[in-house]
């Protein structure tokens, strides 16, 4: 087996920017409750649905959705991949919300497939900032 080659980066990053499978939202009941009683935020290319509940332990889950109106499977998979990457690079914006004892389920939903990565990343960052302020103002945290 071949050994892994050294990277040409001079210093390793202090924090690995990974997207573990444990934070991906899964399950029919989770999606039903997310879409039945959720609040929304939107930008030009991405739509965000979120649900907040009080729990004993903190739970943060996220889903990436591209509806069929976007286009074929290739376009939908590409848009979901771009949204995942944009979230992965900017997940530190919501790390502070993960520490409180509330359940947060989020779905990032694509609105169109004719966008580039920079536009999607800008919109995801905007939505994460808005979400952070909404969660900070939420009555469950103030009790």
N, C-alpha and C. Protein backbone atom coordinates (compact mmCIF):
# COMPACT_ATOMS: atom_id res chain seq x y z
N UNK A 1 0.84 -1.17 0.00
CA UNK A 1 0.00 0.00 0.00
C UNK A 1 0.88 1.24 0.00
N UNK A 2 0.50 2.22 -0.77
CA UNK A 2 1.27 3.44 -0.89
C UNK A 2 1.10 4.32 0.32
N UNK A 3 2.17 4.98 0.74
CA UNK A 3 2.08 5.90 1.88
C UNK A 3 1.47 7.22 1.42
N UNK A 4 0.82 7.87 2.34
CA UNK A 4 0.21 9.14 2.05
C UNK A 4 1.29 10.21 1.92
N UNK A 5 1.20 11.02 0.87
CA UNK A 5 2.19 12.06 0.65
C UNK A 5 1.94 13.23 1.58
N UNK A 6 2.99 13.92 1.92
CA UNK A 6 2.89 15.10 2.79
C UNK A 6 2.24 16.24 2.02
N UNK A 7 1.47 17.02 2.71
CA UNK A 7 0.85 18.19 2.13
C UNK A 7 1.89 19.30 2.03
N UNK A 8 1.71 20.20 1.09
CA UNK A 8 2.64 21.31 0.97
C UNK A 8 2.24 22.50 1.84
N UNK A 9 1.25 22.33 2.69
CA UNK A 9 0.86 23.38 3.62
C UNK A 9 1.91 23.47 4.73
N UNK A 10 2.20 24.67 5.17
CA UNK A 10 3.24 24.85 6.17
C UNK A 10 2.76 24.49 7.57
N UNK A 11 1.53 24.86 7.90
CA UNK A 11 1.02 24.58 9.25
C UNK A 11 -0.36 23.95 9.15
N UNK A 12 -0.63 22.94 9.95
CA UNK A 12 -1.97 22.35 9.92
C UNK A 12 -2.99 23.31 10.51
N UNK A 13 -4.21 23.19 10.05
CA UNK A 13 -5.25 24.07 10.57
C UNK A 13 -5.54 23.69 12.02
N UNK A 14 -5.88 24.66 12.86
CA UNK A 14 -6.13 24.36 14.27
C UNK A 14 -7.39 23.53 14.47
N UNK A 15 -8.32 23.58 13.53
CA UNK A 15 -9.58 22.85 13.65
C UNK A 15 -9.91 22.22 12.32
N UNK A 16 -10.16 20.93 12.33
CA UNK A 16 -10.54 20.27 11.09
C UNK A 16 -11.98 20.63 10.75
N UNK A 17 -12.18 21.05 9.54
CA UNK A 17 -13.52 21.41 9.10
C UNK A 17 -14.17 20.19 8.46
N UNK A 18 -14.77 19.35 9.28
CA UNK A 18 -15.43 18.15 8.78
C UNK A 18 -16.92 18.27 8.98
N UNK A 19 -17.64 17.47 8.25
CA UNK A 19 -19.09 17.41 8.40
C UNK A 19 -19.44 15.97 8.75
N UNK A 20 -19.50 15.65 10.05
CA UNK A 20 -19.75 14.25 10.44
C UNK A 20 -21.18 13.82 10.11
N UNK A 21 -21.33 12.54 9.86
CA UNK A 21 -22.66 12.00 9.55
C UNK A 21 -23.62 12.13 10.72
N UNK A 22 -23.09 12.26 11.92
CA UNK A 22 -23.94 12.33 13.11
C UNK A 22 -24.78 13.60 13.16
N UNK A 23 -24.43 14.66 12.42
CA UNK A 23 -25.24 15.86 12.47
C UNK A 23 -26.19 15.98 11.27
N UNK A 24 -26.21 14.98 10.41
CA UNK A 24 -27.12 14.99 9.26
C UNK A 24 -28.51 14.55 9.73
N UNK A 25 -29.51 15.33 9.40
CA UNK A 25 -30.89 15.04 9.79
C UNK A 25 -31.41 13.87 8.98
N UNK A 26 -31.93 12.86 9.66
CA UNK A 26 -32.46 11.67 9.00
C UNK A 26 -33.78 11.27 9.66
N UNK A 27 -34.58 10.53 8.95
CA UNK A 27 -35.82 9.98 9.51
C UNK A 27 -37.06 10.72 9.09
N UNK A 28 -38.09 9.94 8.78
CA UNK A 28 -39.36 10.50 8.33
C UNK A 28 -39.99 11.40 9.39
N UNK A 29 -39.97 10.96 10.65
CA UNK A 29 -40.63 11.76 11.70
C UNK A 29 -39.91 13.09 11.92
N UNK A 30 -38.59 13.08 11.82
CA UNK A 30 -37.85 14.34 11.96
C UNK A 30 -38.21 15.32 10.85
N UNK A 31 -38.30 14.81 9.61
CA UNK A 31 -38.65 15.69 8.50
C UNK A 31 -40.10 16.15 8.58
N UNK A 32 -41.00 15.26 9.02
CA UNK A 32 -42.40 15.66 9.17
C UNK A 32 -42.54 16.79 10.19
N UNK A 33 -41.89 16.63 11.34
CA UNK A 33 -41.99 17.67 12.35
C UNK A 33 -41.28 18.95 11.93
N UNK A 34 -40.21 18.82 11.16
CA UNK A 34 -39.52 20.02 10.66
C UNK A 34 -40.41 20.80 9.71
N UNK A 35 -41.08 20.11 8.79
CA UNK A 35 -41.89 20.82 7.81
C UNK A 35 -43.27 21.20 8.33
N UNK A 36 -43.75 20.56 9.40
CA UNK A 36 -45.08 20.91 9.90
C UNK A 36 -45.04 22.12 10.83
N UNK A 37 -44.06 22.21 11.69
CA UNK A 37 -44.01 23.36 12.60
C UNK A 37 -42.60 23.94 12.61
N UNK A 38 -42.32 24.74 11.58
CA UNK A 38 -41.00 25.34 11.48
C UNK A 38 -41.13 26.79 11.05
N UNK A 39 -40.06 27.51 11.21
CA UNK A 39 -39.97 28.89 10.77
C UNK A 39 -39.02 28.93 9.59
N UNK A 40 -39.11 29.99 8.80
CA UNK A 40 -38.32 30.05 7.58
C UNK A 40 -37.51 31.33 7.47
N UNK A 41 -36.40 31.22 6.77
CA UNK A 41 -35.57 32.35 6.37
C UNK A 41 -35.22 32.11 4.91
N UNK A 42 -35.03 33.17 4.13
CA UNK A 42 -34.71 32.92 2.73
C UNK A 42 -33.78 33.98 2.16
N UNK A 43 -33.07 33.58 1.14
CA UNK A 43 -32.23 34.46 0.33
C UNK A 43 -32.52 34.13 -1.13
N UNK A 44 -31.73 34.68 -2.03
CA UNK A 44 -31.99 34.49 -3.46
C UNK A 44 -31.80 33.05 -3.92
N UNK A 45 -30.81 32.34 -3.36
CA UNK A 45 -30.51 31.00 -3.87
C UNK A 45 -30.83 29.88 -2.89
N UNK A 46 -30.94 30.20 -1.59
CA UNK A 46 -31.14 29.16 -0.58
C UNK A 46 -32.26 29.58 0.36
N UNK A 47 -33.04 28.60 0.77
CA UNK A 47 -34.17 28.76 1.67
C UNK A 47 -33.85 27.95 2.93
N UNK A 48 -34.06 28.48 4.11
CA UNK A 48 -33.73 27.76 5.35
C UNK A 48 -34.98 27.56 6.18
N UNK A 49 -35.25 26.33 6.59
CA UNK A 49 -36.32 26.01 7.52
C UNK A 49 -35.67 25.54 8.81
N UNK A 50 -36.18 25.98 9.95
CA UNK A 50 -35.61 25.54 11.21
C UNK A 50 -36.70 25.32 12.25
N UNK A 51 -36.39 24.42 13.18
CA UNK A 51 -37.30 24.08 14.27
C UNK A 51 -36.49 24.07 15.56
N UNK A 52 -37.03 24.69 16.60
CA UNK A 52 -36.36 24.75 17.90
C UNK A 52 -37.29 24.19 18.96
N UNK A 53 -36.77 23.28 19.79
CA UNK A 53 -37.53 22.72 20.91
C UNK A 53 -36.62 22.63 22.13
N UNK A 54 -37.23 22.59 23.29
CA UNK A 54 -36.48 22.42 24.54
C UNK A 54 -36.24 20.93 24.77
N UNK A 55 -35.00 20.55 25.09
CA UNK A 55 -34.66 19.16 25.38
C UNK A 55 -33.70 19.12 26.56
N UNK A 56 -33.43 17.91 27.02
CA UNK A 56 -32.48 17.74 28.12
C UNK A 56 -31.04 17.90 27.65
N UNK A 57 -30.75 17.36 26.48
CA UNK A 57 -29.40 17.46 25.95
C UNK A 57 -29.42 18.20 24.62
N UNK A 58 -28.39 18.93 24.29
CA UNK A 58 -28.39 19.67 23.03
C UNK A 58 -28.33 18.73 21.82
N UNK A 59 -29.08 19.07 20.80
CA UNK A 59 -29.06 18.30 19.56
C UNK A 59 -29.13 19.26 18.39
N UNK A 60 -28.22 19.12 17.46
CA UNK A 60 -28.18 19.95 16.27
C UNK A 60 -28.09 19.05 15.06
N UNK A 61 -29.06 19.15 14.15
CA UNK A 61 -29.08 18.34 12.94
C UNK A 61 -29.39 19.25 11.74
N UNK A 62 -28.80 18.90 10.60
CA UNK A 62 -28.99 19.70 9.40
C UNK A 62 -29.25 18.79 8.20
N UNK A 63 -30.07 19.27 7.27
CA UNK A 63 -30.37 18.54 6.05
C UNK A 63 -30.13 19.47 4.85
N UNK A 64 -29.78 18.88 3.74
CA UNK A 64 -29.55 19.62 2.50
C UNK A 64 -30.50 19.06 1.46
N UNK A 65 -31.39 19.93 0.94
CA UNK A 65 -32.47 19.47 0.08
C UNK A 65 -32.44 20.24 -1.24
N UNK A 66 -32.62 19.50 -2.33
CA UNK A 66 -32.78 20.10 -3.65
C UNK A 66 -34.05 19.51 -4.25
N UNK A 67 -35.13 20.30 -4.38
CA UNK A 67 -36.39 19.77 -4.89
C UNK A 67 -36.29 19.38 -6.37
N UNK A 68 -37.25 18.59 -6.82
CA UNK A 68 -37.23 18.10 -8.20
C UNK A 68 -37.39 19.22 -9.22
N UNK A 69 -37.98 20.34 -8.84
CA UNK A 69 -38.14 21.44 -9.79
C UNK A 69 -36.81 22.06 -10.18
N UNK A 70 -35.74 21.76 -9.43
CA UNK A 70 -34.40 22.25 -9.74
C UNK A 70 -33.91 21.67 -11.06
N UNK A 71 -34.21 20.40 -11.30
CA UNK A 71 -33.75 19.75 -12.53
C UNK A 71 -33.53 18.28 -12.28
N UNK A 72 -32.70 17.69 -13.11
CA UNK A 72 -32.41 16.26 -13.01
C UNK A 72 -31.53 15.94 -11.82
N UNK A 73 -31.23 14.66 -11.67
CA UNK A 73 -30.46 14.19 -10.51
C UNK A 73 -29.07 14.80 -10.47
N UNK A 74 -28.46 14.99 -11.62
CA UNK A 74 -27.11 15.54 -11.66
C UNK A 74 -27.10 16.97 -11.10
N UNK A 75 -28.05 17.79 -11.52
CA UNK A 75 -28.13 19.17 -11.03
C UNK A 75 -28.46 19.20 -9.54
N UNK A 76 -29.38 18.35 -9.12
CA UNK A 76 -29.76 18.34 -7.70
C UNK A 76 -28.59 17.90 -6.82
N UNK A 77 -27.87 16.87 -7.25
CA UNK A 77 -26.72 16.41 -6.46
C UNK A 77 -25.63 17.47 -6.40
N UNK A 78 -25.41 18.18 -7.50
CA UNK A 78 -24.39 19.23 -7.51
C UNK A 78 -24.75 20.35 -6.55
N UNK A 79 -26.00 20.79 -6.58
CA UNK A 79 -26.43 21.88 -5.70
C UNK A 79 -26.33 21.46 -4.25
N UNK A 80 -26.71 20.22 -3.93
CA UNK A 80 -26.60 19.73 -2.54
C UNK A 80 -25.14 19.67 -2.11
N UNK A 81 -24.28 19.25 -3.01
CA UNK A 81 -22.85 19.20 -2.70
C UNK A 81 -22.30 20.59 -2.42
N UNK A 82 -22.73 21.59 -3.21
CA UNK A 82 -22.27 22.96 -2.99
C UNK A 82 -22.80 23.51 -1.66
N UNK A 83 -24.04 23.20 -1.32
CA UNK A 83 -24.59 23.67 -0.04
C UNK A 83 -23.87 23.01 1.13
N UNK A 84 -23.58 21.71 1.02
CA UNK A 84 -22.83 21.02 2.08
C UNK A 84 -21.45 21.62 2.27
N UNK A 85 -20.78 21.92 1.18
CA UNK A 85 -19.44 22.51 1.27
C UNK A 85 -19.50 23.91 1.86
N UNK A 86 -20.48 24.70 1.46
CA UNK A 86 -20.62 26.05 2.02
C UNK A 86 -20.89 25.98 3.52
N UNK A 87 -21.74 25.04 3.94
CA UNK A 87 -21.99 24.89 5.38
C UNK A 87 -20.75 24.38 6.10
N UNK A 88 -20.06 23.41 5.53
CA UNK A 88 -18.88 22.82 6.16
C UNK A 88 -17.82 23.88 6.42
N UNK A 89 -17.61 24.78 5.48
CA UNK A 89 -16.60 25.82 5.64
C UNK A 89 -17.00 26.90 6.63
N UNK A 90 -18.30 27.02 6.89
CA UNK A 90 -18.78 28.11 7.77
C UNK A 90 -19.56 27.59 8.97
N UNK A 91 -19.36 26.35 9.36
CA UNK A 91 -20.13 25.79 10.46
C UNK A 91 -19.78 26.40 11.81
N UNK A 92 -18.65 27.09 11.91
CA UNK A 92 -18.30 27.73 13.17
C UNK A 92 -19.27 28.85 13.53
N UNK A 93 -20.06 29.32 12.57
CA UNK A 93 -21.04 30.36 12.84
C UNK A 93 -22.17 29.86 13.74
N UNK A 94 -22.44 28.56 13.72
CA UNK A 94 -23.53 28.01 14.53
C UNK A 94 -23.01 27.15 15.68
N UNK A 95 -21.70 27.08 15.87
CA UNK A 95 -21.15 26.28 16.97
C UNK A 95 -21.62 26.78 18.33
N UNK A 96 -21.82 28.08 18.46
CA UNK A 96 -22.24 28.63 19.75
C UNK A 96 -23.66 28.19 20.11
N UNK A 97 -24.51 27.91 19.12
CA UNK A 97 -25.88 27.48 19.42
C UNK A 97 -25.91 26.04 19.88
N UNK A 98 -24.94 25.24 19.49
CA UNK A 98 -24.93 23.83 19.84
C UNK A 98 -24.73 23.60 21.33
N UNK A 99 -24.24 24.58 22.06
CA UNK A 99 -23.92 24.40 23.47
C UNK A 99 -25.13 24.52 24.39
N UNK A 100 -26.19 25.15 23.94
CA UNK A 100 -27.37 25.31 24.78
C UNK A 100 -28.22 24.04 24.74
N UNK A 101 -29.07 23.87 25.74
CA UNK A 101 -29.85 22.63 25.85
C UNK A 101 -31.17 22.73 25.08
N UNK A 102 -31.05 22.89 23.78
CA UNK A 102 -32.22 22.91 22.92
C UNK A 102 -31.97 22.03 21.71
N UNK A 103 -33.06 21.60 21.08
CA UNK A 103 -33.00 20.81 19.86
C UNK A 103 -33.18 21.77 18.69
N UNK A 104 -32.26 21.72 17.75
CA UNK A 104 -32.36 22.55 16.55
C UNK A 104 -32.23 21.66 15.33
N UNK A 105 -33.27 21.67 14.50
CA UNK A 105 -33.23 20.97 13.23
C UNK A 105 -33.30 22.01 12.12
N UNK A 106 -32.41 21.88 11.14
CA UNK A 106 -32.31 22.86 10.06
C UNK A 106 -32.37 22.12 8.72
N UNK A 107 -33.00 22.74 7.74
CA UNK A 107 -32.96 22.24 6.37
C UNK A 107 -32.58 23.40 5.45
N UNK A 108 -31.51 23.23 4.70
CA UNK A 108 -31.13 24.19 3.67
C UNK A 108 -31.71 23.67 2.36
N UNK A 109 -32.57 24.47 1.73
CA UNK A 109 -33.28 24.05 0.54
C UNK A 109 -32.87 24.95 -0.62
N UNK A 110 -32.43 24.34 -1.72
CA UNK A 110 -32.00 25.10 -2.89
C UNK A 110 -33.21 25.69 -3.61
N UNK A 111 -33.02 26.87 -4.17
CA UNK A 111 -34.10 27.51 -4.91
C UNK A 111 -33.87 27.46 -6.42
N UNK A 112 -32.60 27.38 -6.84
CA UNK A 112 -32.30 27.28 -8.26
C UNK A 112 -30.98 26.56 -8.45
N UNK A 113 -30.77 26.02 -9.64
CA UNK A 113 -29.53 25.28 -9.90
C UNK A 113 -28.54 26.09 -10.71
N UNK A 114 -28.93 27.25 -11.17
CA UNK A 114 -28.06 28.07 -12.03
C UNK A 114 -27.27 29.08 -11.21
N UNK A 115 -26.60 28.60 -10.19
CA UNK A 115 -25.80 29.49 -9.34
C UNK A 115 -24.41 28.91 -9.17
N UNK A 116 -23.49 29.78 -8.82
CA UNK A 116 -22.12 29.32 -8.59
C UNK A 116 -21.89 29.17 -7.08
N UNK A 117 -20.75 28.62 -6.74
CA UNK A 117 -20.45 28.33 -5.34
C UNK A 117 -20.40 29.59 -4.50
N UNK A 118 -19.82 30.66 -5.03
CA UNK A 118 -19.68 31.90 -4.25
C UNK A 118 -21.04 32.47 -3.85
N UNK A 119 -22.00 32.44 -4.75
CA UNK A 119 -23.34 32.94 -4.43
C UNK A 119 -24.00 32.08 -3.36
N UNK A 120 -23.85 30.77 -3.49
CA UNK A 120 -24.43 29.87 -2.49
C UNK A 120 -23.76 30.07 -1.14
N UNK A 121 -22.45 30.20 -1.13
CA UNK A 121 -21.74 30.38 0.13
C UNK A 121 -22.14 31.70 0.80
N UNK A 122 -22.25 32.77 0.03
CA UNK A 122 -22.68 34.05 0.60
C UNK A 122 -24.06 33.94 1.22
N UNK A 123 -24.97 33.26 0.53
CA UNK A 123 -26.34 33.11 1.05
C UNK A 123 -26.38 32.21 2.27
N UNK A 124 -25.60 31.14 2.28
CA UNK A 124 -25.57 30.26 3.45
C UNK A 124 -25.01 31.00 4.66
N UNK A 125 -23.98 31.81 4.47
CA UNK A 125 -23.41 32.59 5.58
C UNK A 125 -24.45 33.59 6.09
N UNK A 126 -25.15 34.25 5.18
CA UNK A 126 -26.20 35.19 5.58
C UNK A 126 -27.28 34.48 6.39
N UNK A 127 -27.71 33.32 5.93
CA UNK A 127 -28.76 32.58 6.64
C UNK A 127 -28.28 32.09 8.00
N UNK A 128 -27.04 31.66 8.11
CA UNK A 128 -26.52 31.21 9.40
C UNK A 128 -26.41 32.36 10.39
N UNK A 129 -26.06 33.54 9.92
CA UNK A 129 -26.05 34.72 10.79
C UNK A 129 -27.46 35.04 11.28
N UNK A 130 -28.42 35.02 10.36
CA UNK A 130 -29.81 35.29 10.73
C UNK A 130 -30.32 34.24 11.73
N UNK A 131 -29.97 32.98 11.48
CA UNK A 131 -30.40 31.91 12.38
C UNK A 131 -29.81 32.10 13.77
N UNK A 132 -28.56 32.47 13.83
CA UNK A 132 -27.91 32.67 15.13
C UNK A 132 -28.60 33.78 15.92
N UNK A 133 -28.99 34.87 15.26
CA UNK A 133 -29.68 35.93 15.98
C UNK A 133 -31.09 35.50 16.38
N UNK A 134 -31.78 34.73 15.53
CA UNK A 134 -33.12 34.24 15.87
C UNK A 134 -33.08 33.30 17.07
N UNK A 135 -32.07 32.42 17.10
CA UNK A 135 -31.95 31.48 18.22
C UNK A 135 -31.61 32.23 19.49
N UNK A 136 -30.76 33.24 19.41
CA UNK A 136 -30.41 34.02 20.59
C UNK A 136 -31.61 34.75 21.18
N UNK A 137 -32.55 35.15 20.32
CA UNK A 137 -33.75 35.86 20.77
C UNK A 137 -34.88 34.92 21.13
N UNK A 138 -34.71 33.62 20.94
CA UNK A 138 -35.79 32.66 21.14
C UNK A 138 -36.19 32.60 22.61
N UNK A 139 -37.50 32.50 22.91
CA UNK A 139 -37.97 32.49 24.30
C UNK A 139 -37.51 31.27 25.10
N UNK A 140 -37.21 30.14 24.44
CA UNK A 140 -36.74 28.96 25.18
C UNK A 140 -35.38 29.21 25.85
N UNK A 141 -34.57 30.05 25.27
CA UNK A 141 -33.27 30.33 25.85
C UNK A 141 -33.36 31.37 26.96
N UNK A 142 -34.39 32.16 26.94
CA UNK A 142 -34.51 33.24 27.92
C UNK A 142 -35.25 32.80 29.19
N UNK A 143 -35.66 31.53 29.26
CA UNK A 143 -36.40 31.09 30.45
C UNK A 143 -35.48 30.50 31.48
